[in-house]
PDB file of N, CA and C in Angstrom:
ATOM      1  N   MET A   1      17.693  13.763  13.623  1.00  0.00           N
ATOM      2  CA  MET A   1      16.869  14.910  13.147  1.00  0.00           C
ATOM      3  C   MET A   1      16.840  15.182  11.165  1.00  0.00           C
ATOM      4  N   ILE A   2      17.334  14.014  10.670  1.00  0.00           N
ATOM      5  CA  ILE A   2      17.351  13.367   9.323  1.00  0.00           C
ATOM      6  C   ILE A   2      16.541  13.022   8.870  1.00  0.00           C
ATOM      7  N   TYR A   3      16.861  11.402   9.581  1.00  0.00           N
ATOM      8  CA  TYR A   3      15.576  10.799   9.299  1.00  0.00           C
ATOM      9  C   TYR A   3      14.249  10.975   9.799  1.00  0.00           C
ATOM     10  N   ALA A   4      14.130  11.206  11.101  1.00  0.00           N
ATOM     11  CA  ALA A   4      12.704  12.326  11.065  1.00  0.00           C
ATOM     12  C   ALA A   4      12.392  12.949  10.253  1.00  0.00           C
ATOM     13  N   SER A   5      13.120  13.934   9.873  1.00  0.00           N
ATOM     14  CA  SER A   5      12.705  14.614   7.973  1.00  0.00           C
ATOM     15  C   SER A   5      12.014  13.896   7.272  1.00  0.00           C
ATOM     16  N   ALA A   6      13.236  13.048   6.748  1.00  0.00           N
ATOM     17  CA  ALA A   6      11.953  11.956   5.968  1.00  0.00           C
ATOM     18  C   ALA A   6      11.275  10.898   6.306  1.00  0.00           C
ATOM     19  N   GLU A   7      11.043  10.606   7.293  1.00  0.00           N
ATOM     20  CA  GLU A   7      10.096   9.951   8.121  1.00  0.00           C
ATOM     21  C   GLU A   7       8.767  10.917   8.032  1.00  0.00           C
ATOM     22  N   ALA A   8       8.745  12.070   8.383  1.00  0.00           N
ATOM     23  CA  ALA A   8       7.951  13.061   8.071  1.00  0.00           C
ATOM     24  C   ALA A   8       7.805  13.020   6.710  1.00  0.00           C
ATOM     25  N   LEU A   9       8.511  13.422   5.871  1.00  0.00           N
ATOM     26  CA  LEU A   9       7.600  13.745   4.180  1.00  0.00           C
ATOM     27  C   LEU A   9       7.642  13.056   4.069  1.00  0.00           C
ATOM     28  N   SER A  10       7.498  11.156   4.116  1.00  0.00           N
ATOM     29  CA  SER A  10       6.760  10.338   3.656  1.00  0.00           C
ATOM     30  C   SER A  10       5.490  10.331   4.219  1.00  0.00           C
ATOM     31  N   THR A  11       4.975  10.720   5.433  1.00  0.00           N
ATOM     32  CA  THR A  11       3.890  10.974   6.209  1.00  0.00           C
ATOM     33  C   THR A  11       2.919  11.894   5.491  1.00  0.00           C
ATOM     34  N   ALA A  12       3.420  12.640   4.491  1.00  0.00           N
ATOM     35  CA  ALA A  12       2.919  13.985   3.912  1.00  0.00           C
ATOM     36  C   ALA A  12       2.269  13.577   2.445  1.00  0.00           C
ATOM     37  N   LEU A  13       2.282  12.495   2.436  1.00  0.00           N
ATOM     38  CA  LEU A  13       1.663  12.858   0.847  1.00  0.00           C
ATOM     39  C   LEU A  13       0.136  12.119   0.848  1.00  0.00           C
ATOM     40  N   ASN A  14      -0.681  12.615   0.219  1.00  0.00           N
ATOM     41  CA  ASN A  14      -2.268  13.261   0.273  1.00  0.00           C
ATOM     42  C   ASN A  14      -2.476  11.673  -0.481  1.00  0.00           C
ATOM     43  N   GLU A  15      -4.035  11.440  -0.353  1.00  0.00           N
ATOM     44  CA  GLU A  15      -4.671   9.938  -0.911  1.00  0.00           C
ATOM     45  C   GLU A  15      -4.336   9.642  -2.536  1.00  0.00           C
ATOM     46  N   GLN A  16      -4.003  10.783  -3.330  1.00  0.00           N
ATOM     47  CA  GLN A  16      -4.085  10.874  -5.003  1.00  0.00           C
ATOM     48  C   GLN A  16      -2.239  10.322  -5.097  1.00  0.00           C
ATOM     49  N   GLU A  17      -1.452  10.729  -3.991  1.00  0.00           N
ATOM     50  CA  GLU A  17      -0.955  10.718  -4.683  1.00  0.00           C
ATOM     51  C   GLU A  17       0.569   8.711  -4.116  1.00  0.00           C
ATOM     52  N   VAL A  18      -0.623   8.778  -3.288  1.00  0.00           N
ATOM     53  CA  VAL A  18      -0.581   7.416  -2.279  1.00  0.00           C
ATOM     54  C   VAL A  18      -0.917   6.225  -3.675  1.00  0.00           C
ATOM     55  N   ALA A  19      -2.215   6.826  -4.372  1.00  0.00           N
ATOM     56  CA  ALA A  19      -2.508   5.687  -5.458  1.00  0.00           C
ATOM     57  C   ALA A  19      -1.799   6.274  -6.000  1.00  0.00           C
ATOM     58  N   ALA A  20      -0.964   6.742  -6.390  1.00  0.00           N
ATOM     59  CA  ALA A  20       0.079   6.969  -7.479  1.00  0.00           C
ATOM     60  C   ALA A  20       1.034   5.841  -7.587  1.00  0.00           C
ATOM     61  N   GLY A  21       1.808   5.525  -6.440  1.00  0.00           N
ATOM     62  CA  GLY A  21       2.418   5.150  -6.427  1.00  0.00           C
ATOM     63  C   GLY A  21       3.719   6.302  -5.876  1.00  0.00           C
ATOM     64  N   TRP A  22       3.128   7.178  -5.435  1.00  0.00           N
ATOM     65  CA  TRP A  22       4.365   7.849  -5.365  1.00  0.00           C
ATOM     66  C   TRP A  22       4.974   8.207  -4.043  1.00  0.00           C
ATOM     67  N   LEU A  23       6.768   8.441  -4.548  1.00  0.00           N
ATOM     68  CA  LEU A  23       7.873   8.397  -3.249  1.00  0.00           C
ATOM     69  C   LEU A  23       7.204  10.138  -2.446  1.00  0.00           C
ATOM     70  N   TYR A  24       7.294  10.882  -3.181  1.00  0.00           N
ATOM     71  CA  TYR A  24       7.043  11.979  -2.136  1.00  0.00           C
ATOM     72  C   TYR A  24       6.537  13.191  -2.614  1.00  0.00           C
ATOM     73  N   PRO A  25       5.840  13.632  -2.314  1.00  0.00           N
ATOM     74  CA  PRO A  25       5.103  15.132  -2.196  1.00  0.00           C
ATOM     75  C   PRO A  25       5.200  15.519  -3.977  1.00  0.00           C
ATOM     76  N   ASP A  26       3.816  16.016  -4.350  1.00  0.00           N
ATOM     77  CA  ASP A  26       4.114  17.305  -5.384  1.00  0.00           C
ATOM     78  C   ASP A  26       4.630  18.717  -4.780  1.00  0.00           C
ATOM     79  N   ILE A  27       5.556  18.589  -5.633  1.00  0.00           N
ATOM     80  CA  ILE A  27       6.415  20.296  -4.955  1.00  0.00           C
ATOM     81  C   ILE A  27       5.790  21.380  -5.292  1.00  0.00           C
ATOM     82  N   ARG A  28       4.338  21.086  -5.519  1.00  0.00           N
ATOM     83  CA  ARG A  28       3.695  22.325  -5.975  1.00  0.00           C
ATOM     84  C   ARG A  28       2.980  22.349  -4.389  1.00  0.00           C
ATOM     85  N   ARG A  29       2.790  21.258  -3.447  1.00  0.00           N
ATOM     86  CA  ARG A  29       2.269  21.525  -2.041  1.00  0.00           C
ATOM     87  C   ARG A  29       3.351  21.832  -1.166  1.00  0.00           C
ATOM     88  N   ILE A  30       4.374  22.365  -1.783  1.00  0.00           N
ATOM     89  CA  ILE A  30       5.861  22.230  -0.833  1.00  0.00           C
ATOM     90  C   ILE A  30       5.708  23.219   0.784  1.00  0.00           C
ATOM     91  N   ARG A  31       4.883  24.740   0.269  1.00  0.00           N
ATOM     92  CA  ARG A  31       4.365  25.398   1.941  1.00  0.00           C
ATOM     93  C   ARG A  31       3.492  23.915   2.914  1.00  0.00           C
ATOM     94  N   GLU A  32       2.875  23.521   2.169  1.00  0.00           N
ATOM     95  CA  GLU A  32       2.308  22.219   2.797  1.00  0.00           C
ATOM     96  C   GLU A  32       3.197  21.100   3.890  1.00  0.00           C
ATOM     97  N   VAL A  33       3.298  20.759   2.521  1.00  0.00           N
ATOM     98  CA  VAL A  33       4.606  19.560   3.223  1.00  0.00           C
ATOM     99  C   VAL A  33       5.766  20.489   4.256  1.00  0.00           C
ATOM    100  N   SER A  34       6.223  21.317   4.048  1.00  0.00           N
ATOM    101  CA  SER A  34       7.687  21.512   4.799  1.00  0.00           C
ATOM    102  C   SER A  34       6.875  22.075   6.475  1.00  0.00           C
ATOM    103  N   VAL A  35       5.217  22.347   6.515  1.00  0.00           N
ATOM    104  CA  VAL A  35       5.025  22.228   7.376  1.00  0.00           C
ATOM    105  C   VAL A  35       5.166  21.110   8.497  1.00  0.00           C
ATOM    106  N   VAL A  36       4.816  19.819   7.184  1.00  0.00           N
ATOM    107  CA  VAL A  36       4.675  18.750   7.904  1.00  0.00           C
ATOM    108  C   VAL A  36       6.129  18.000   8.529  1.00  0.00           C
ATOM    109  N   VAL A  37       6.979  18.364   7.652  1.00  0.00           N
ATOM    110  CA  VAL A  37       8.236  18.087   8.032  1.00  0.00           C
ATOM    111  C   VAL A  37       8.950  18.597   9.091  1.00  0.00           C
ATOM    112  N   THR A  38       8.774  20.400   8.904  1.00  0.00           N
ATOM    113  CA  THR A  38       9.237  20.940  10.487  1.00  0.00           C
ATOM    114  C   THR A  38       8.532  19.963  10.983  1.00  0.00           C
ATOM    115  N   ARG A  39       7.790  20.355  11.386  1.00  0.00           N
ATOM    116  CA  ARG A  39       6.804  19.395  12.713  1.00  0.00           C
ATOM    117  C   ARG A  39       6.887  18.199  13.321  1.00  0.00           C
ATOM    118  N   GLY A  40       7.695  17.627  12.423  1.00  0.00           N
ATOM    119  CA  GLY A  40       7.822  16.357  12.315  1.00  0.00           C
ATOM    120  C   GLY A  40       9.678  16.412  13.413  1.00  0.00           C
ATOM    121  N   VAL A  41      10.723  17.309  12.714  1.00  0.00           N
ATOM    122  CA  VAL A  41      11.855  17.309  13.250  1.00  0.00           C
ATOM    123  C   VAL A  41      11.908  17.711  14.363  1.00  0.00           C
ATOM    124  N   ILE A  42      10.259  18.628  15.077  1.00  0.00           N
ATOM    125  CA  ILE A  42      10.704  19.331  16.286  1.00  0.00           C
ATOM    126  C   ILE A  42       9.805  17.993  17.215  1.00  0.00           C
ATOM    127  N   ARG A  43       8.901  17.583  16.661  1.00  0.00           N
ATOM    128  CA  ARG A  43       8.985  16.671  17.848  1.00  0.00           C
ATOM    129  C   ARG A  43      10.025  15.341  17.410  1.00  0.00           C
ATOM    130  N   ALA A  44      10.790  15.030  16.888  1.00  0.00           N
ATOM    131  CA  ALA A  44      11.433  14.474  17.192  1.00  0.00           C
ATOM    132  C   ALA A  44      12.802  14.458  17.575  1.00  0.00           C
ATOM    133  N   ALA A  45      13.199  16.331  18.286  1.00  0.00           N
ATOM    134  CA  ALA A  45      13.647  16.392  18.777  1.00  0.00           C
ATOM    135  C   ALA A  45      13.217  16.726  19.647  1.00  0.00           C
ATOM    136  N   GLN A  46      11.991  17.113  20.725  1.00  0.00           N
ATOM    137  CA  GLN A  46      11.377  17.474  21.978  1.00  0.00           C
ATOM    138  C   GLN A  46      11.307  15.779  22.611  1.00  0.00           C
ATOM    139  N   LEU A  47      11.824  14.597  21.338  1.00  0.00           N
ATOM    140  CA  LEU A  47      11.342  13.389  22.480  1.00  0.00           C
ATOM    141  C   LEU A  47      12.346  13.498  22.505  1.00  0.00           C
ATOM    142  N   ASN A  48      13.830  13.562  22.137  1.00  0.00           N
ATOM    143  CA  ASN A  48      15.564  13.596  22.416  1.00  0.00           C
ATOM    144  C   ASN A  48      16.064  14.235  22.958  1.00  0.00           C
ATOM    145  N   GLU A  49      15.068  15.692  23.571  1.00  0.00           N
ATOM    146  CA  GLU A  49      15.254  16.743  24.569  1.00  0.00           C
ATOM    147  C   GLU A  49      16.572  16.895  23.766  1.00  0.00           C
ATOM    148  N   VAL A  50      16.624  17.125  22.976  1.00  0.00           N
ATOM    149  CA  VAL A  50      17.499  18.233  22.609  1.00  0.00           C
ATOM    150  C   VAL A  50      16.352  19.853  21.809  1.00  0.00           C
ATOM    151  N   ASP A  51      15.433  19.875  21.933  1.00  0.00           N
ATOM    152  CA  ASP A  51      14.544  21.501  21.551  1.00  0.00           C
ATOM    153  C   ASP A  51      15.437  22.579  22.570  1.00  0.00           C
ATOM    154  N   ARG A  52      15.174  23.753  22.005  1.00  0.00           N
ATOM    155  CA  ARG A  52      15.782  24.258  22.972  1.00  0.00           C
ATOM    156  C   ARG A  52      14.610  25.158  23.114  1.00  0.00           C
ATOM    157  N   GLU A  53      13.950  25.567  22.283  1.00  0.00           N
ATOM    158  CA  GLU A  53      12.383  26.092  22.598  1.00  0.00           C
ATOM    159  C   GLU A  53      11.407  25.691  23.247  1.00  0.00           C
ATOM    160  N   LEU A  54      11.493  25.929  24.903  1.00  0.00           N
ATOM    161  CA  LEU A  54      10.614  24.924  25.248  1.00  0.00           C
ATOM    162  C   LEU A  54       8.906  25.305  25.669  1.00  0.00           C
ATOM    163  N   ALA A  55       8.353  26.156  24.990  1.00  0.00           N
ATOM    164  CA  ALA A  55       7.707  26.608  25.182  1.00  0.00           C
ATOM    165  C   ALA A  55       6.321  25.889  24.195  1.00  0.00           C
ATOM    166  N   LEU A  56       7.024  25.629  22.886  1.00  0.00           N
ATOM    167  CA  LEU A  56       6.750  24.568  21.733  1.00  0.00           C
ATOM    168  C   LEU A  56       6.314  22.862  22.049  1.00  0.00           C
ATOM    169  N   ARG A  57       7.249  22.325  23.871  1.00  0.00           N
ATOM    170  CA  ARG A  57       5.945  21.260  24.323  1.00  0.00           C
ATOM    171  C   ARG A  57       4.716  21.639  24.359  1.00  0.00           C
ATOM    172  N   HIS A  58       4.619  22.571  24.895  1.00  0.00           N
ATOM    173  CA  HIS A  58       3.167  23.027  25.336  1.00  0.00           C
ATOM    174  C   HIS A  58       2.563  22.890  24.149  1.00  0.00           C
ATOM    175  N   MET A  59       2.611  22.646  23.015  1.00  0.00           N
ATOM    176  CA  MET A  59       1.213  23.262  21.772  1.00  0.00           C
ATOM    177  C   MET A  59       1.278  22.217  20.860  1.00  0.00           C
ATOM    178  N   GLY A  60       0.313  21.883  20.776  1.00  0.00           N
ATOM    179  CA  GLY A  60      -0.356  20.614  19.624  1.00  0.00           C
ATOM    180  C   GLY A  60      -0.594  20.888  18.549  1.00  0.00           C
ATOM    181  N   ASP A  61      -0.372  19.381  17.395  1.00  0.00           N
ATOM    182  CA  ASP A  61       0.477  19.543  15.973  1.00  0.00           C
ATOM    183  C   ASP A  61      -0.556  20.707  15.276  1.00  0.00           C
ATOM    184  N   GLU A  62      -1.973  21.371  16.108  1.00  0.00           N
ATOM    185  CA  GLU A  62      -2.729  22.535  15.361  1.00  0.00           C
ATOM    186  C   GLU A  62      -1.733  23.727  15.219  1.00  0.00           C
ATOM    187  N   GLU A  63      -2.007  23.691  16.660  1.00  0.00           N
ATOM    188  CA  GLU A  63      -1.416  25.178  16.789  1.00  0.00           C
ATOM    189  C   GLU A  63       0.061  25.562  16.161  1.00  0.00           C
ATOM    190  N   LEU A  64       0.637  24.281  16.637  1.00  0.00           N
ATOM    191  CA  LEU A  64       2.064  24.469  16.626  1.00  0.00           C
ATOM    192  C   LEU A  64       2.468  24.426  15.012  1.00  0.00           C
ATOM    193  N   ASP A  65       1.464  23.797  13.473  1.00  0.00           N
ATOM    194  CA  ASP A  65       1.227  24.316  12.496  1.00  0.00           C
ATOM    195  C   ASP A  65       1.104  25.364  12.193  1.00  0.00           C
TER     196      ASP A  65
END
């Protein structure tokens, strides 16, 4: 799950942050980024079948967000 959160964090960079060569998203976007990281961890838990909330398995990413 730690790896999944790190991977999700890296995908949370927006175009401007990527263009500027940032490694991490701007702290001012913490709420938006937290959603991306949380979703990544949930999906990793589902993939590894260690999730406890089975109802989330049937939700799309937009609905989960």
